[in-house]
Amino acid sequence: MNREEAIAKGITVQDIKHNMKRRCSWHDYHRKGTYMLTLVVDGRIPLLGVLKGETEAIVEESELGSIILNEEIKKIHQFYPTVDVWKVCIMPDHIHMIVRVNGDMQLSCTVTTQKKKTSVYVKNGWIVENEEVYL
């Protein structure tokens, strides 16, 4: 589903202004450390799940949210051996992760563009499997 379709279905889609003010200008993020990351779905479309519950908020994961949580996040360590994912919290339109970088990362590891095969990702709001993408 694209942005217009989500709005037509009554899903609240919020525009956000991106800024990097939450980053320390003096810190080198290639260095060893523990980091809290937030990854947000473009347009904040709730593709990853639905909030449920009367007295306690619970996220019921969508198919995509479940695949990301149970399969894709586990692959991070394969691509970045110095990175361990400690905790993950999936919300309907974003993901929080606490990751540990166990050693300084090479600049080439974080900046280069490499052709990779992914098993699943979102393209225009749809789950796409086994298509080559550029990271």
C-alpha atoms as a PDB file:
ATOM      1  CA  MET A   1       0.000   0.000   0.000  1.00  0.00           C
ATOM      2  CA  ASN A   2       1.323   3.454  -0.808  1.00  0.00           C
ATOM      3  CA  ARG A   3       0.848   6.676   1.159  1.00  0.00           C
ATOM      4  CA  GLU A   4      -2.337   7.686  -0.658  1.00  0.00           C
ATOM      5  CA  GLU A   5      -3.914   4.253  -0.202  1.00  0.00           C
ATOM      6  CA  ALA A   6      -3.083   4.312   3.525  1.00  0.00           C
ATOM      7  CA  ILE A   7      -4.723   7.734   3.889  1.00  0.00           C
ATOM      8  CA  ALA A   8      -7.764   6.541   1.923  1.00  0.00           C
ATOM      9  CA  LYS A   9      -8.123   3.619   4.370  1.00  0.00           C
ATOM     10  CA  GLY A  10      -8.148   6.064   7.278  1.00  0.00           C
ATOM     11  CA  ILE A  11      -4.611   5.318   8.480  1.00  0.00           C
ATOM     12  CA  THR A  12      -2.977   8.372  10.011  1.00  0.00           C
ATOM     13  CA  VAL A  13       0.212   9.168   8.104  1.00  0.00           C
ATOM     14  CA  GLN A  14       2.442  11.792   9.663  1.00  0.00           C
ATOM     15  CA  ASP A  15       5.060  13.901   7.955  1.00  0.00           C
ATOM     16  CA  ILE A  16       8.211  14.294   9.993  1.00  0.00           C
ATOM     17  CA  LYS A  17      11.152  16.595   9.572  1.00  0.00           C
ATOM     18  CA  HIS A  18      14.412  14.705   9.727  1.00  0.00           C
ATOM     19  CA  ASN A  19      17.296  16.219  11.590  1.00  0.00           C
ATOM     20  CA  MET A  20      20.540  14.988  12.962  1.00  0.00           C
ATOM     21  CA  LYS A  21      20.430  17.193  16.074  1.00  0.00           C
ATOM     22  CA  ARG A  22      20.193  14.091  18.256  1.00  0.00           C
ATOM     23  CA  ARG A  23      23.723  13.115  17.279  1.00  0.00           C
ATOM     24  CA  CYS A  24      26.747  14.415  19.135  1.00  0.00           C
ATOM     25  CA  SER A  25      28.817  16.443  16.694  1.00  0.00           C
ATOM     26  CA  TRP A  26      32.008  15.469  18.523  1.00  0.00           C
ATOM     27  CA  HIS A  27      31.390  11.697  18.659  1.00  0.00           C
ATOM     28  CA  ASP A  28      32.816   9.264  16.108  1.00  0.00           C
ATOM     29  CA  TYR A  29      30.044   6.722  15.496  1.00  0.00           C
ATOM     30  CA  HIS A  30      32.490   4.272  13.886  1.00  0.00           C
ATOM     31  CA  ARG A  31      33.958   3.621  17.339  1.00  0.00           C
ATOM     32  CA  LYS A  32      33.285   0.791  19.746  1.00  0.00           C
ATOM     33  CA  GLY A  33      30.234   1.466  21.907  1.00  0.00           C
ATOM     34  CA  THR A  34      26.598   0.738  22.685  1.00  0.00           C
ATOM     35  CA  TYR A  35      24.022   2.589  20.595  1.00  0.00           C
ATOM     36  CA  MET A  36      20.256   3.028  20.561  1.00  0.00           C
ATOM     37  CA  LEU A  37      18.934   3.147  16.980  1.00  0.00           C
ATOM     38  CA  THR A  38      15.503   4.043  15.696  1.00  0.00           C
ATOM     39  CA  LEU A  39      14.532   3.078  12.139  1.00  0.00           C
ATOM     40  CA  VAL A  40      11.362   4.756  10.872  1.00  0.00           C
ATOM     41  CA  VAL A  41       9.118   3.630   7.993  1.00  0.00           C
ATOM     42  CA  ASP A  42       8.985   6.314   5.295  1.00  0.00           C
ATOM     43  CA  GLY A  43       5.903   8.455   5.851  1.00  0.00           C
ATOM     44  CA  ARG A  44       5.329   6.681   9.173  1.00  0.00           C
ATOM     45  CA  ILE A  45       2.968   4.227   7.479  1.00  0.00           C
ATOM     46  CA  PRO A  46       2.234   1.445  10.019  1.00  0.00           C
ATOM     47  CA  LEU A  47       3.565  -1.443   7.921  1.00  0.00           C
ATOM     48  CA  LEU A  48       5.160  -3.355  10.792  1.00  0.00           C
ATOM     49  CA  GLY A  49       2.129  -4.082  12.958  1.00  0.00           C
ATOM     50  CA  VAL A  50      -0.919  -2.829  14.809  1.00  0.00           C
ATOM     51  CA  LEU A  51      -1.300  -1.598  18.385  1.00  0.00           C
ATOM     52  CA  LYS A  52      -3.771  -3.742  20.323  1.00  0.00           C
ATOM     53  CA  GLY A  53      -4.888  -4.136  23.908  1.00  0.00           C
ATOM     54  CA  GLU A  54      -7.355  -2.552  26.284  1.00  0.00           C
ATOM     55  CA  THR A  55      -5.275  -1.908  29.410  1.00  0.00           C
ATOM     56  CA  GLU A  56      -1.799  -2.676  28.075  1.00  0.00           C
ATOM     57  CA  ALA A  57      -0.467  -1.701  24.655  1.00  0.00           C
ATOM     58  CA  ILE A  58       0.675  -4.696  22.629  1.00  0.00           C
ATOM     59  CA  VAL A  59       2.013  -4.667  19.082  1.00  0.00           C
ATOM     60  CA  GLU A  60       0.591  -7.381  16.873  1.00  0.00           C
ATOM     61  CA  GLU A  61       3.240  -7.733  14.186  1.00  0.00           C
ATOM     62  CA  SER A  62       2.325  -7.751  10.523  1.00  0.00           C
ATOM     63  CA  GLU A  63       3.870 -10.332   8.198  1.00  0.00           C
ATOM     64  CA  LEU A  64       6.614  -7.830   7.374  1.00  0.00           C
ATOM     65  CA  GLY A  65       7.211  -6.965  11.044  1.00  0.00           C
ATOM     66  CA  SER A  66       7.488 -10.644  11.904  1.00  0.00           C
ATOM     67  CA  ILE A  67       9.961 -11.324   9.069  1.00  0.00           C
ATOM     68  CA  ILE A  68      12.116  -8.366  10.100  1.00  0.00           C
ATOM     69  CA  LEU A  69      12.100  -9.411  13.770  1.00  0.00           C
ATOM     70  CA  ASN A  70      12.585 -13.151  13.314  1.00  0.00           C
ATOM     71  CA  GLU A  71      14.788 -13.322  10.217  1.00  0.00           C
ATOM     72  CA  GLU A  72      16.315 -10.084   8.967  1.00  0.00           C
ATOM     73  CA  ILE A  73      17.650  -8.555  12.193  1.00  0.00           C
ATOM     74  CA  LYS A  74      19.532 -11.783  12.883  1.00  0.00           C
ATOM     75  CA  LYS A  75      21.480 -11.192   9.647  1.00  0.00           C
ATOM     76  CA  ILE A  76      23.016  -7.911  10.832  1.00  0.00           C
ATOM     77  CA  HIS A  77      25.866  -9.750  12.574  1.00  0.00           C
ATOM     78  CA  GLN A  78      26.623 -11.678   9.350  1.00  0.00           C
ATOM     79  CA  PHE A  79      27.197  -8.425   7.434  1.00  0.00           C
ATOM     80  CA  TYR A  80      28.812  -6.574  10.353  1.00  0.00           C
ATOM     81  CA  PRO A  81      30.659  -9.113  12.553  1.00  0.00           C
ATOM     82  CA  THR A  82      31.605  -6.483  15.137  1.00  0.00           C
ATOM     83  CA  VAL A  83      27.922  -5.574  15.714  1.00  0.00           C
ATOM     84  CA  ASP A  84      25.655  -7.472  18.112  1.00  0.00           C
ATOM     85  CA  VAL A  85      21.940  -6.650  18.381  1.00  0.00           C
ATOM     86  CA  TRP A  86      21.061  -6.709  22.085  1.00  0.00           C
ATOM     87  CA  LYS A  87      17.375  -5.736  22.098  1.00  0.00           C
ATOM     88  CA  VAL A  88      14.681  -5.010  19.508  1.00  0.00           C
ATOM     89  CA  CYS A  89      11.292  -3.367  19.901  1.00  0.00           C
ATOM     90  CA  ILE A  90       9.003  -3.268  16.855  1.00  0.00           C
ATOM     91  CA  MET A  91       6.306  -0.612  16.779  1.00  0.00           C
ATOM     92  CA  PRO A  92       3.754  -0.210  13.961  1.00  0.00           C
ATOM     93  CA  ASP A  93       5.790   2.427  12.103  1.00  0.00           C
ATOM     94  CA  HIS A  94       9.297   2.158  13.541  1.00  0.00           C
ATOM     95  CA  ILE A  95      11.863  -0.149  15.147  1.00  0.00           C
ATOM     96  CA  HIS A  96      14.033   0.535  18.200  1.00  0.00           C
ATOM     97  CA  MET A  97      17.276  -1.412  18.576  1.00  0.00           C
ATOM     98  CA  ILE A  98      20.072  -1.421  21.094  1.00  0.00           C
ATOM     99  CA  VAL A  99      23.247  -2.558  19.391  1.00  0.00           C
ATOM    100  CA  ARG A 100      26.769  -3.117  20.634  1.00  0.00           C
ATOM    101  CA  VAL A 101      29.694  -2.336  18.345  1.00  0.00           C
ATOM    102  CA  ASN A 102      32.463  -4.519  19.793  1.00  0.00           C
ATOM    103  CA  GLY A 103      35.321  -3.001  17.837  1.00  0.00           C
ATOM    104  CA  ASP A 104      35.987   0.044  15.725  1.00  0.00           C
ATOM    105  CA  MET A 105      34.302  -0.315  12.337  1.00  0.00           C
ATOM    106  CA  GLN A 106      36.248   0.312   9.168  1.00  0.00           C
ATOM    107  CA  LEU A 107      34.969   3.344   7.280  1.00  0.00           C
ATOM    108  CA  SER A 108      34.718   1.219   4.130  1.00  0.00           C
ATOM    109  CA  CYS A 109      32.384  -1.158   5.995  1.00  0.00           C
ATOM    110  CA  THR A 110      29.855   1.574   6.687  1.00  0.00           C
ATOM    111  CA  VAL A 111      30.074   3.826   3.640  1.00  0.00           C
ATOM    112  CA  THR A 112      30.640   1.752   0.516  1.00  0.00           C
ATOM    113  CA  THR A 113      27.818   0.916  -1.840  1.00  0.00           C
ATOM    114  CA  GLN A 114      27.673  -2.787  -2.455  1.00  0.00           C
ATOM    115  CA  LYS A 115      25.253  -4.884  -4.430  1.00  0.00           C
ATOM    116  CA  LYS A 116      23.576  -7.337  -2.074  1.00  0.00           C
ATOM    117  CA  LYS A 117      20.701  -9.766  -2.321  1.00  0.00           C
ATOM    118  CA  THR A 118      18.107  -9.314   0.363  1.00  0.00           C
ATOM    119  CA  SER A 119      15.475 -11.887   1.142  1.00  0.00           C
ATOM    120  CA  VAL A 120      12.776  -9.329   1.919  1.00  0.00           C
ATOM    121  CA  TYR A 121      12.252  -5.578   1.938  1.00  0.00           C
ATOM    122  CA  VAL A 122       9.501  -3.042   1.313  1.00  0.00           C
ATOM    123  CA  LYS A 123       9.077  -1.422  -2.093  1.00  0.00           C
ATOM    124  CA  ASN A 124       6.208   1.046  -2.392  1.00  0.00           C
ATOM    125  CA  GLY A 125       4.541  -0.505   0.644  1.00  0.00           C
ATOM    126  CA  TRP A 126       4.661  -4.083  -0.649  1.00  0.00           C
ATOM    127  CA  ILE A 127       6.803  -6.967   0.559  1.00  0.00           C
ATOM    128  CA  VAL A 128       9.295  -7.877  -2.173  1.00  0.00           C
ATOM    129  CA  GLU A 129      11.340 -11.060  -1.926  1.00  0.00           C
ATOM    130  CA  ASN A 130      14.611 -12.104  -3.549  1.00  0.00           C
ATOM    131  CA  GLU A 131      15.210  -8.978  -5.598  1.00  0.00           C
ATOM    132  CA  GLU A 132      18.628  -7.398  -5.992  1.00  0.00           C
ATOM    133  CA  VAL A 133      18.943  -3.990  -4.352  1.00  0.00           C
ATOM    134  CA  TYR A 134      21.787  -1.585  -3.768  1.00  0.00           C
ATOM    135  CA  LEU A 135      22.663  -0.866  -0.135  1.00  0.00           C
END
